[in-house]
C-alpha atoms as a PDB file:
ATOM      1  CA  UNK A   1     219.155 -42.049  52.480  1.00  0.00           C
ATOM      2  CA  UNK A   2     220.013 -44.095  55.570  1.00  0.00           C
ATOM      3  CA  UNK A   3     219.091 -41.216  57.859  1.00  0.00           C
ATOM      4  CA  UNK A   4     215.740 -40.816  56.124  1.00  0.00           C
ATOM      5  CA  UNK A   5     215.079 -44.549  56.396  1.00  0.00           C
ATOM      6  CA  UNK A   6     216.148 -44.638  60.044  1.00  0.00           C
ATOM      7  CA  UNK A   7     213.910 -41.729  61.030  1.00  0.00           C
ATOM      8  CA  UNK A   8     210.960 -43.386  59.302  1.00  0.00           C
ATOM      9  CA  UNK A   9     211.563 -46.825  60.790  1.00  0.00           C
ATOM     10  CA  UNK A  10     211.928 -45.405  64.297  1.00  0.00           C
ATOM     11  CA  UNK A  11     208.590 -43.609  63.973  1.00  0.00           C
ATOM     12  CA  UNK A  12     206.793 -46.563  62.395  1.00  0.00           C
ATOM     13  CA  UNK A  13     208.333 -49.551  64.216  1.00  0.00           C
ATOM     14  CA  UNK A  14     210.311 -48.095  67.114  1.00  0.00           C
ATOM     15  CA  UNK A  15     214.070 -48.006  67.827  1.00  0.00           C
ATOM     16  CA  UNK A  16     214.448 -51.743  68.489  1.00  0.00           C
ATOM     17  CA  UNK A  17     212.629 -53.225  65.488  1.00  0.00           C
ATOM     18  CA  UNK A  18     214.853 -55.379  63.308  1.00  0.00           C
ATOM     19  CA  UNK A  19     214.167 -53.236  60.230  1.00  0.00           C
ATOM     20  CA  UNK A  20     215.358 -50.225  62.218  1.00  0.00           C
ATOM     21  CA  UNK A  21     218.427 -52.160  63.319  1.00  0.00           C
ATOM     22  CA  UNK A  22     219.260 -53.163  59.750  1.00  0.00           C
ATOM     23  CA  UNK A  23     219.577 -49.486  58.867  1.00  0.00           C
ATOM     24  CA  UNK A  24     221.563 -48.790  62.030  1.00  0.00           C
ATOM     25  CA  UNK A  25     224.015 -51.520  60.962  1.00  0.00           C
ATOM     26  CA  UNK A  26     224.188 -50.048  57.449  1.00  0.00           C
ATOM     27  CA  UNK A  27     224.976 -46.621  58.884  1.00  0.00           C
ATOM     28  CA  UNK A  28     227.827 -48.268  60.779  1.00  0.00           C
ATOM     29  CA  UNK A  29     229.214 -49.627  57.515  1.00  0.00           C
ATOM     30  CA  UNK A  30     228.981 -46.203  55.909  1.00  0.00           C
ATOM     31  CA  UNK A  31     230.686 -44.462  58.817  1.00  0.00           C
ATOM     32  CA  UNK A  32     233.472 -47.037  58.770  1.00  0.00           C
ATOM     33  CA  UNK A  33     234.011 -46.434  55.042  1.00  0.00           C
ATOM     34  CA  UNK A  34     234.153 -42.700  55.756  1.00  0.00           C
ATOM     35  CA  UNK A  35     236.756 -43.268  58.463  1.00  0.00           C
ATOM     36  CA  UNK A  36     234.350 -42.166  61.229  1.00  0.00           C
ATOM     37  CA  UNK A  37     235.256 -45.063  63.486  1.00  0.00           C
ATOM     38  CA  UNK A  38     233.743 -43.770  66.722  1.00  0.00           C
ATOM     39  CA  UNK A  39     230.363 -43.244  65.045  1.00  0.00           C
ATOM     40  CA  UNK A  40     230.665 -46.618  63.316  1.00  0.00           C
ATOM     41  CA  UNK A  41     231.253 -48.430  66.602  1.00  0.00           C
ATOM     42  CA  UNK A  42     228.267 -46.664  68.152  1.00  0.00           C
ATOM     43  CA  UNK A  43     226.038 -47.894  65.311  1.00  0.00           C
ATOM     44  CA  UNK A  44     227.370 -51.451  65.408  1.00  0.00           C
ATOM     45  CA  UNK A  45     226.968 -51.626  69.177  1.00  0.00           C
ATOM     46  CA  UNK A  46     223.380 -50.418  68.974  1.00  0.00           C
ATOM     47  CA  UNK A  47     222.562 -52.879  66.186  1.00  0.00           C
ATOM     48  CA  UNK A  48     224.277 -55.748  67.997  1.00  0.00           C
ATOM     49  CA  UNK A  49     222.477 -55.144  71.284  1.00  0.00           C
ATOM     50  CA  UNK A  50     219.149 -54.936  69.477  1.00  0.00           C
ATOM     51  CA  UNK A  51     219.712 -58.056  67.369  1.00  0.00           C
ATOM     52  CA  UNK A  52     220.676 -60.072  70.457  1.00  0.00           C
ATOM     53  CA  UNK A  53     217.427 -59.097  72.176  1.00  0.00           C
ATOM     54  CA  UNK A  54     215.296 -59.689  69.084  1.00  0.00           C
ATOM     55  CA  UNK A  55     216.935 -62.731  67.477  1.00  0.00           C
ATOM     56  CA  UNK A  56     219.443 -64.063  69.993  1.00  0.00           C
ATOM     57  CA  UNK A  57     223.255 -64.234  69.858  1.00  0.00           C
ATOM     58  CA  UNK A  58     223.439 -66.890  67.134  1.00  0.00           C
ATOM     59  CA  UNK A  59     221.091 -65.393  64.544  1.00  0.00           C
ATOM     60  CA  UNK A  60     222.760 -64.571  61.237  1.00  0.00           C
ATOM     61  CA  UNK A  61     221.867 -60.860  61.505  1.00  0.00           C
ATOM     62  CA  UNK A  62     223.548 -60.768  64.905  1.00  0.00           C
ATOM     63  CA  UNK A  63     226.593 -62.569  63.537  1.00  0.00           C
ATOM     64  CA  UNK A  64     226.884 -60.250  60.539  1.00  0.00           C
ATOM     65  CA  UNK A  65     227.141 -57.284  62.885  1.00  0.00           C
ATOM     66  CA  UNK A  66     229.622 -59.202  65.034  1.00  0.00           C
ATOM     67  CA  UNK A  67     231.725 -59.643  61.886  1.00  0.00           C
ATOM     68  CA  UNK A  68     231.397 -55.924  61.074  1.00  0.00           C
ATOM     69  CA  UNK A  69     232.578 -55.054  64.567  1.00  0.00           C
ATOM     70  CA  UNK A  70     235.588 -57.294  63.991  1.00  0.00           C
ATOM     71  CA  UNK A  71     236.396 -55.337  60.833  1.00  0.00           C
ATOM     72  CA  UNK A  72     236.166 -52.115  62.813  1.00  0.00           C
ATOM     73  CA  UNK A  73     238.522 -53.367  65.512  1.00  0.00           C
ATOM     74  CA  UNK A  74     240.969 -54.466  62.825  1.00  0.00           C
ATOM     75  CA  UNK A  75     240.832 -50.960  61.298  1.00  0.00           C
ATOM     76  CA  UNK A  76     241.516 -49.511  64.744  1.00  0.00           C
ATOM     77  CA  UNK A  77     244.526 -51.783  65.203  1.00  0.00           C
ATOM     78  CA  UNK A  78     242.820 -53.725  68.029  1.00  0.00           C
ATOM     79  CA  UNK A  79     243.930 -57.065  66.630  1.00  0.00           C
ATOM     80  CA  UNK A  80     243.317 -59.176  69.738  1.00  0.00           C
ATOM     81  CA  UNK A  81     239.728 -57.935  70.039  1.00  0.00           C
ATOM     82  CA  UNK A  82     239.228 -58.345  66.295  1.00  0.00           C
ATOM     83  CA  UNK A  83     240.335 -61.980  66.370  1.00  0.00           C
ATOM     84  CA  UNK A  84     238.002 -62.729  69.261  1.00  0.00           C
ATOM     85  CA  UNK A  85     235.074 -61.193  67.376  1.00  0.00           C
ATOM     86  CA  UNK A  86     235.890 -62.937  64.090  1.00  0.00           C
ATOM     87  CA  UNK A  87     236.163 -66.283  65.843  1.00  0.00           C
ATOM     88  CA  UNK A  88     232.764 -65.771  67.430  1.00  0.00           C
ATOM     89  CA  UNK A  89     231.259 -64.834  64.060  1.00  0.00           C
ATOM     90  CA  UNK A  90     232.903 -67.789  62.308  1.00  0.00           C
ATOM     91  CA  UNK A  91     231.734 -70.335  64.875  1.00  0.00           C
ATOM     92  CA  UNK A  92     228.191 -69.028  64.676  1.00  0.00           C
ATOM     93  CA  UNK A  93     228.089 -68.915  60.885  1.00  0.00           C
ATOM     94  CA  UNK A  94     229.475 -72.431  60.552  1.00  0.00           C
ATOM     95  CA  UNK A  95     226.694 -73.696  62.807  1.00  0.00           C
ATOM     96  CA  UNK A  96     223.982 -71.639  61.104  1.00  0.00           C
ATOM     97  CA  UNK A  97     225.008 -71.875  57.430  1.00  0.00           C
ATOM     98  CA  UNK A  98     227.762 -74.473  57.244  1.00  0.00           C
ATOM     99  CA  UNK A  99     231.457 -74.097  56.384  1.00  0.00           C
ATOM    100  CA  UNK A 100     230.980 -73.310  52.696  1.00  0.00           C
ATOM    101  CA  UNK A 101     228.313 -70.605  52.820  1.00  0.00           C
ATOM    102  CA  UNK A 102     229.463 -67.289  51.392  1.00  0.00           C
ATOM    103  CA  UNK A 103     228.721 -65.461  54.674  1.00  0.00           C
ATOM    104  CA  UNK A 104     230.964 -67.961  56.447  1.00  0.00           C
ATOM    105  CA  UNK A 105     233.629 -67.431  53.796  1.00  0.00           C
ATOM    106  CA  UNK A 106     233.475 -63.657  54.283  1.00  0.00           C
ATOM    107  CA  UNK A 107     234.597 -64.123  57.870  1.00  0.00           C
ATOM    108  CA  UNK A 108     237.201 -66.693  56.833  1.00  0.00           C
ATOM    109  CA  UNK A 109     238.634 -64.091  54.460  1.00  0.00           C
ATOM    110  CA  UNK A 110     238.582 -61.465  57.218  1.00  0.00           C
ATOM    111  CA  UNK A 111     240.488 -63.803  59.515  1.00  0.00           C
ATOM    112  CA  UNK A 112     243.058 -64.183  56.750  1.00  0.00           C
ATOM    113  CA  UNK A 113     243.479 -60.407  56.706  1.00  0.00           C
ATOM    114  CA  UNK A 114     243.868 -60.339  60.465  1.00  0.00           C
ATOM    115  CA  UNK A 115     246.444 -63.130  60.526  1.00  0.00           C
ATOM    116  CA  UNK A 116     248.426 -61.361  57.805  1.00  0.00           C
ATOM    117  CA  UNK A 117     248.445 -58.169  59.881  1.00  0.00           C
ATOM    118  CA  UNK A 118     249.612 -60.209  62.884  1.00  0.00           C
ATOM    119  CA  UNK A 119     252.427 -61.746  60.835  1.00  0.00           C
ATOM    120  CA  UNK A 120     250.879 -65.235  61.002  1.00  0.00           C
ATOM    121  CA  UNK A 121     251.444 -65.859  57.310  1.00  0.00           C
ATOM    122  CA  UNK A 122     250.875 -69.612  57.316  1.00  0.00           C
ATOM    123  CA  UNK A 123     247.514 -69.246  59.029  1.00  0.00           C
ATOM    124  CA  UNK A 124     246.627 -66.339  56.744  1.00  0.00           C
ATOM    125  CA  UNK A 125     247.308 -68.378  53.616  1.00  0.00           C
ATOM    126  CA  UNK A 126     245.192 -71.233  54.981  1.00  0.00           C
ATOM    127  CA  UNK A 127     242.254 -68.855  55.494  1.00  0.00           C
ATOM    128  CA  UNK A 128     242.629 -67.208  52.091  1.00  0.00           C
ATOM    129  CA  UNK A 129     242.875 -70.549  50.307  1.00  0.00           C
ATOM    130  CA  UNK A 130     239.776 -71.814  52.046  1.00  0.00           C
ATOM    131  CA  UNK A 131     237.880 -68.623  51.183  1.00  0.00           C
ATOM    132  CA  UNK A 132     239.073 -68.635  47.576  1.00  0.00           C
ATOM    133  CA  UNK A 133     238.118 -72.255  46.971  1.00  0.00           C
ATOM    134  CA  UNK A 134     234.690 -71.634  48.463  1.00  0.00           C
ATOM    135  CA  UNK A 135     234.038 -68.437  46.533  1.00  0.00           C
ATOM    136  CA  UNK A 136     235.080 -70.000  43.233  1.00  0.00           C
ATOM    137  CA  UNK A 137     232.652 -72.854  43.799  1.00  0.00           C
ATOM    138  CA  UNK A 138     229.812 -70.595  44.953  1.00  0.00           C
ATOM    139  CA  UNK A 139     230.237 -67.509  42.775  1.00  0.00           C
ATOM    140  CA  UNK A 140     232.741 -68.423  40.074  1.00  0.00           C
ATOM    141  CA  UNK A 141     236.265 -67.127  39.359  1.00  0.00           C
ATOM    142  CA  UNK A 142     235.226 -63.612  38.300  1.00  0.00           C
ATOM    143  CA  UNK A 143     232.892 -62.619  41.130  1.00  0.00           C
ATOM    144  CA  UNK A 144     234.087 -59.627  43.110  1.00  0.00           C
ATOM    145  CA  UNK A 145     234.118 -61.608  46.379  1.00  0.00           C
ATOM    146  CA  UNK A 146     236.425 -64.096  44.685  1.00  0.00           C
ATOM    147  CA  UNK A 147     238.576 -61.271  43.371  1.00  0.00           C
ATOM    148  CA  UNK A 148     238.845 -59.687  46.828  1.00  0.00           C
ATOM    149  CA  UNK A 149     240.479 -62.849  48.129  1.00  0.00           C
ATOM    150  CA  UNK A 150     242.661 -63.124  45.017  1.00  0.00           C
ATOM    151  CA  UNK A 151     243.920 -59.605  45.779  1.00  0.00           C
ATOM    152  CA  UNK A 152     244.490 -60.551  49.427  1.00  0.00           C
ATOM    153  CA  UNK A 153     246.500 -63.598  48.389  1.00  0.00           C
ATOM    154  CA  UNK A 154     248.610 -61.327  46.211  1.00  0.00           C
ATOM    155  CA  UNK A 155     249.352 -59.156  49.237  1.00  0.00           C
ATOM    156  CA  UNK A 156     250.237 -62.227  51.293  1.00  0.00           C
ATOM    157  CA  UNK A 157     252.569 -63.567  48.601  1.00  0.00           C
ATOM    158  CA  UNK A 158     254.245 -60.174  48.416  1.00  0.00           C
ATOM    159  CA  UNK A 159     254.849 -60.266  52.179  1.00  0.00           C
ATOM    160  CA  UNK A 160     256.343 -63.736  51.757  1.00  0.00           C
ATOM    161  CA  UNK A 161     258.667 -62.492  49.012  1.00  0.00           C
ATOM    162  CA  UNK A 162     256.893 -64.551  46.324  1.00  0.00           C
ATOM    163  CA  UNK A 163     256.800 -61.659  43.895  1.00  0.00           C
ATOM    164  CA  UNK A 164     256.001 -63.625  40.746  1.00  0.00           C
ATOM    165  CA  UNK A 165     252.993 -65.269  42.382  1.00  0.00           C
ATOM    166  CA  UNK A 166     251.950 -61.931  43.890  1.00  0.00           C
ATOM    167  CA  UNK A 167     251.967 -60.199  40.504  1.00  0.00           C
ATOM    168  CA  UNK A 168     249.911 -63.035  39.020  1.00  0.00           C
ATOM    169  CA  UNK A 169     247.270 -62.600  41.748  1.00  0.00           C
ATOM    170  CA  UNK A 170     247.203 -58.808  41.455  1.00  0.00           C
ATOM    171  CA  UNK A 171     246.887 -58.949  37.679  1.00  0.00           C
ATOM    172  CA  UNK A 172     244.024 -61.398  37.894  1.00  0.00           C
ATOM    173  CA  UNK A 173     242.264 -59.228  40.475  1.00  0.00           C
ATOM    174  CA  UNK A 174     242.852 -56.026  38.512  1.00  0.00           C
ATOM    175  CA  UNK A 175     241.549 -57.458  35.249  1.00  0.00           C
ATOM    176  CA  UNK A 176     238.474 -58.768  37.021  1.00  0.00           C
ATOM    177  CA  UNK A 177     237.754 -55.552  38.894  1.00  0.00           C
ATOM    178  CA  UNK A 178     238.103 -53.424  35.776  1.00  0.00           C
ATOM    179  CA  UNK A 179     235.576 -55.628  34.000  1.00  0.00           C
ATOM    180  CA  UNK A 180     233.179 -55.787  36.944  1.00  0.00           C
ATOM    181  CA  UNK A 181     233.464 -52.315  38.473  1.00  0.00           C
ATOM    182  CA  UNK A 182     235.427 -50.209  36.005  1.00  0.00           C
ATOM    183  CA  UNK A 183     238.861 -48.567  36.262  1.00  0.00           C
ATOM    184  CA  UNK A 184     237.936 -45.997  38.926  1.00  0.00           C
ATOM    185  CA  UNK A 185     236.176 -48.161  41.526  1.00  0.00           C
ATOM    186  CA  UNK A 186     237.880 -48.198  44.912  1.00  0.00           C
ATOM    187  CA  UNK A 187     238.329 -51.995  44.795  1.00  0.00           C
ATOM    188  CA  UNK A 188     240.131 -51.561  41.479  1.00  0.00           C
ATOM    189  CA  UNK A 189     242.247 -48.780  42.952  1.00  0.00           C
ATOM    190  CA  UNK A 190     243.203 -50.922  45.960  1.00  0.00           C
ATOM    191  CA  UNK A 191     244.792 -53.441  43.606  1.00  0.00           C
ATOM    192  CA  UNK A 192     246.396 -50.664  41.567  1.00  0.00           C
ATOM    193  CA  UNK A 193     247.998 -49.407  44.790  1.00  0.00           C
ATOM    194  CA  UNK A 194     249.140 -52.938  45.635  1.00  0.00           C
ATOM    195  CA  UNK A 195     250.706 -53.323  42.205  1.00  0.00           C
ATOM    196  CA  UNK A 196     252.583 -50.087  42.814  1.00  0.00           C
ATOM    197  CA  UNK A 197     253.987 -51.536  46.016  1.00  0.00           C
ATOM    198  CA  UNK A 198     254.952 -54.741  44.216  1.00  0.00           C
ATOM    199  CA  UNK A 199     256.689 -52.872  41.392  1.00  0.00           C
ATOM    200  CA  UNK A 200     258.605 -50.849  43.961  1.00  0.00           C
ATOM    201  CA  UNK A 201     259.772 -54.070  45.614  1.00  0.00           C
ATOM    202  CA  UNK A 202     260.870 -55.323  42.204  1.00  0.00           C
ATOM    203  CA  UNK A 203     262.820 -52.123  41.547  1.00  0.00           C
ATOM    204  CA  UNK A 204     260.453 -51.036  38.742  1.00  0.00           C
ATOM    205  CA  UNK A 205     260.221 -47.488  40.036  1.00  0.00           C
ATOM    206  CA  UNK A 206     258.699 -45.881  36.933  1.00  0.00           C
ATOM    207  CA  UNK A 207     255.887 -48.434  36.855  1.00  0.00           C
ATOM    208  CA  UNK A 208     255.440 -48.079  40.616  1.00  0.00           C
ATOM    209  CA  UNK A 209     255.005 -44.310  40.378  1.00  0.00           C
ATOM    210  CA  UNK A 210     252.482 -44.756  37.561  1.00  0.00           C
ATOM    211  CA  UNK A 211     250.402 -47.111  39.721  1.00  0.00           C
ATOM    212  CA  UNK A 212     250.577 -44.904  42.813  1.00  0.00           C
ATOM    213  CA  UNK A 213     249.602 -41.821  40.811  1.00  0.00           C
ATOM    214  CA  UNK A 214     246.627 -43.604  39.298  1.00  0.00           C
ATOM    215  CA  UNK A 215     245.511 -44.887  42.708  1.00  0.00           C
ATOM    216  CA  UNK A 216     245.966 -41.487  44.361  1.00  0.00           C
ATOM    217  CA  UNK A 217     243.998 -39.607  41.705  1.00  0.00           C
ATOM    218  CA  UNK A 218     241.189 -42.145  41.962  1.00  0.00           C
ATOM    219  CA  UNK A 219     241.080 -42.175  45.757  1.00  0.00           C
ATOM    220  CA  UNK A 220     240.991 -38.393  45.968  1.00  0.00           C
ATOM    221  CA  UNK A 221     238.005 -38.329  43.619  1.00  0.00           C
ATOM    222  CA  UNK A 222     236.206 -41.211  45.346  1.00  0.00           C
ATOM    223  CA  UNK A 223     237.069 -40.721  49.020  1.00  0.00           C
ATOM    224  CA  UNK A 224     238.558 -37.249  49.242  1.00  0.00           C
ATOM    225  CA  UNK A 225     242.081 -36.146  50.247  1.00  0.00           C
ATOM    226  CA  UNK A 226     241.858 -37.178  53.898  1.00  0.00           C
ATOM    227  CA  UNK A 227     240.517 -40.731  53.714  1.00  0.00           C
ATOM    228  CA  UNK A 228     242.888 -43.377  55.048  1.00  0.00           C
ATOM    229  CA  UNK A 229     243.002 -45.195  51.697  1.00  0.00           C
ATOM    230  CA  UNK A 230     244.128 -41.938  50.093  1.00  0.00           C
ATOM    231  CA  UNK A 231     246.667 -41.377  52.853  1.00  0.00           C
ATOM    232  CA  UNK A 232     248.100 -44.878  52.483  1.00  0.00           C
ATOM    233  CA  UNK A 233     248.914 -44.168  48.852  1.00  0.00           C
ATOM    234  CA  UNK A 234     250.257 -40.709  49.749  1.00  0.00           C
ATOM    235  CA  UNK A 235     252.630 -42.452  52.160  1.00  0.00           C
ATOM    236  CA  UNK A 236     253.569 -45.067  49.551  1.00  0.00           C
ATOM    237  CA  UNK A 237     254.363 -42.378  47.014  1.00  0.00           C
ATOM    238  CA  UNK A 238     256.457 -40.564  49.609  1.00  0.00           C
ATOM    239  CA  UNK A 239     258.419 -43.749  50.297  1.00  0.00           C
ATOM    240  CA  UNK A 240     258.976 -44.186  46.565  1.00  0.00           C
ATOM    241  CA  UNK A 241     260.312 -40.645  46.225  1.00  0.00           C
ATOM    242  CA  UNK A 242     262.667 -41.328  49.137  1.00  0.00           C
ATOM    243  CA  UNK A 243     264.054 -44.347  47.274  1.00  0.00           C
ATOM    244  CA  UNK A 244     264.486 -42.160  44.184  1.00  0.00           C
ATOM    245  CA  UNK A 245     266.367 -39.547  46.238  1.00  0.00           C
ATOM    246  CA  UNK A 246     263.584 -36.943  45.935  1.00  0.00           C
ATOM    247  CA  UNK A 247     263.761 -36.171  49.633  1.00  0.00           C
ATOM    248  CA  UNK A 248     261.944 -32.831  49.619  1.00  0.00           C
ATOM    249  CA  UNK A 249     258.932 -34.263  47.755  1.00  0.00           C
ATOM    250  CA  UNK A 250     259.065 -37.364  49.945  1.00  0.00           C
ATOM    251  CA  UNK A 251     258.935 -35.327  53.150  1.00  0.00           C
ATOM    252  CA  UNK A 252     255.936 -33.295  51.947  1.00  0.00           C
ATOM    253  CA  UNK A 253     253.964 -36.458  51.212  1.00  0.00           C
ATOM    254  CA  UNK A 254     254.947 -38.279  54.397  1.00  0.00           C
ATOM    255  CA  UNK A 255     254.020 -35.202  56.444  1.00  0.00           C
ATOM    256  CA  UNK A 256     250.631 -35.082  54.733  1.00  0.00           C
ATOM    257  CA  UNK A 257     250.090 -38.788  55.432  1.00  0.00           C
ATOM    258  CA  UNK A 258     251.085 -38.426  59.087  1.00  0.00           C
ATOM    259  CA  UNK A 259     248.868 -35.405  59.744  1.00  0.00           C
ATOM    260  CA  UNK A 260     245.962 -37.141  58.073  1.00  0.00           C
ATOM    261  CA  UNK A 261     246.423 -40.352  60.044  1.00  0.00           C
ATOM    262  CA  UNK A 262     246.680 -38.515  63.342  1.00  0.00           C
ATOM    263  CA  UNK A 263     243.356 -36.819  62.580  1.00  0.00           C
ATOM    264  CA  UNK A 264     241.691 -40.009  61.351  1.00  0.00           C
ATOM    265  CA  UNK A 265     243.092 -42.702  63.638  1.00  0.00           C
ATOM    266  CA  UNK A 266     244.995 -40.964  66.418  1.00  0.00           C
ATOM    267  CA  UNK A 267     248.682 -40.936  67.253  1.00  0.00           C
ATOM    268  CA  UNK A 268     248.739 -44.448  68.716  1.00  0.00           C
ATOM    269  CA  UNK A 269     247.364 -46.356  65.717  1.00  0.00           C
ATOM    270  CA  UNK A 270     249.972 -48.779  64.249  1.00  0.00           C
ATOM    271  CA  UNK A 271     249.832 -47.098  60.833  1.00  0.00           C
ATOM    272  CA  UNK A 272     250.315 -43.661  62.392  1.00  0.00           C
ATOM    273  CA  UNK A 273     253.353 -44.858  64.325  1.00  0.00           C
ATOM    274  CA  UNK A 274     254.761 -46.527  61.191  1.00  0.00           C
ATOM    275  CA  UNK A 275     254.446 -43.328  59.137  1.00  0.00           C
ATOM    276  CA  UNK A 276     255.953 -41.283  61.983  1.00  0.00           C
ATOM    277  CA  UNK A 277     259.007 -43.574  62.066  1.00  0.00           C
ATOM    278  CA  UNK A 278     259.418 -43.290  58.301  1.00  0.00           C
ATOM    279  CA  UNK A 279     259.222 -39.506  58.476  1.00  0.00           C
ATOM    280  CA  UNK A 280     261.801 -39.403  61.263  1.00  0.00           C
ATOM    281  CA  UNK A 281     264.199 -41.576  59.237  1.00  0.00           C
ATOM    282  CA  UNK A 282     263.643 -39.423  56.181  1.00  0.00           C
ATOM    283  CA  UNK A 283     264.497 -36.248  58.086  1.00  0.00           C
ATOM    284  CA  UNK A 284     267.643 -37.836  59.484  1.00  0.00           C
ATOM    285  CA  UNK A 285     268.655 -38.779  55.969  1.00  0.00           C
ATOM    286  CA  UNK A 286     268.048 -35.222  54.739  1.00  0.00           C
ATOM    287  CA  UNK A 287     270.108 -33.729  57.546  1.00  0.00           C
ATOM    288  CA  UNK A 288     273.147 -35.843  56.634  1.00  0.00           C
ATOM    289  CA  UNK A 289     273.193 -34.826  52.963  1.00  0.00           C
END
């Protein structure tokens, strides 16, 4: 559909018309969701250059693509570049829309994600709290944008070791997603996967496996076997099997996750290196049995 629209816009309006660029930006989003990060960056760069020429650097369409590029850099593990881009987007949105506009809050939430990945947990919680308060006022407690930040807060609390608070956030997000999107939507499955991780941390291994299995089945149907969201849960399930002493099954899953990440992200991505270390430790453990 995007390709059909893009071909038509280019013929009717030309390659630099803002309607053309909107579809270019949308193709970038699609490619990023598919894990095609090189193609996604190409689309975002084209859209960004065009928006700057047409609207200027501070127009909201320009800033939305700036924010999307920040998301892409975060996915690629380029956290310094991502922060720079998010900060640019946030400054522009605050000037254009104000601090409480939902587009501004989207970037606030993204900065929370980035700070969490950088280990800046205090700053991350500040961003998430600001985003959550704003979303609840703008959209209400059950809107999916609100629920996204609720889920993110759950992940942050889990990293801080606040497991009771984390479970409360995950449960709220899961209930809301199931009502809004249904049990098989990828946003629902993300929280299911997170609950699996939480249960594993709590030592509830049966419940953890149930969550991981549900998430994995759903991701494979929605994204396919090689998408990074699928591979993350494959890796989580492998780690769970290692804890349970099922080392052969664990190695098969970790190997699958590593091969998939190398193909999708390359050998130098932080997640790839993390999975490679886990697989190496697992093999050492097997060799000593």
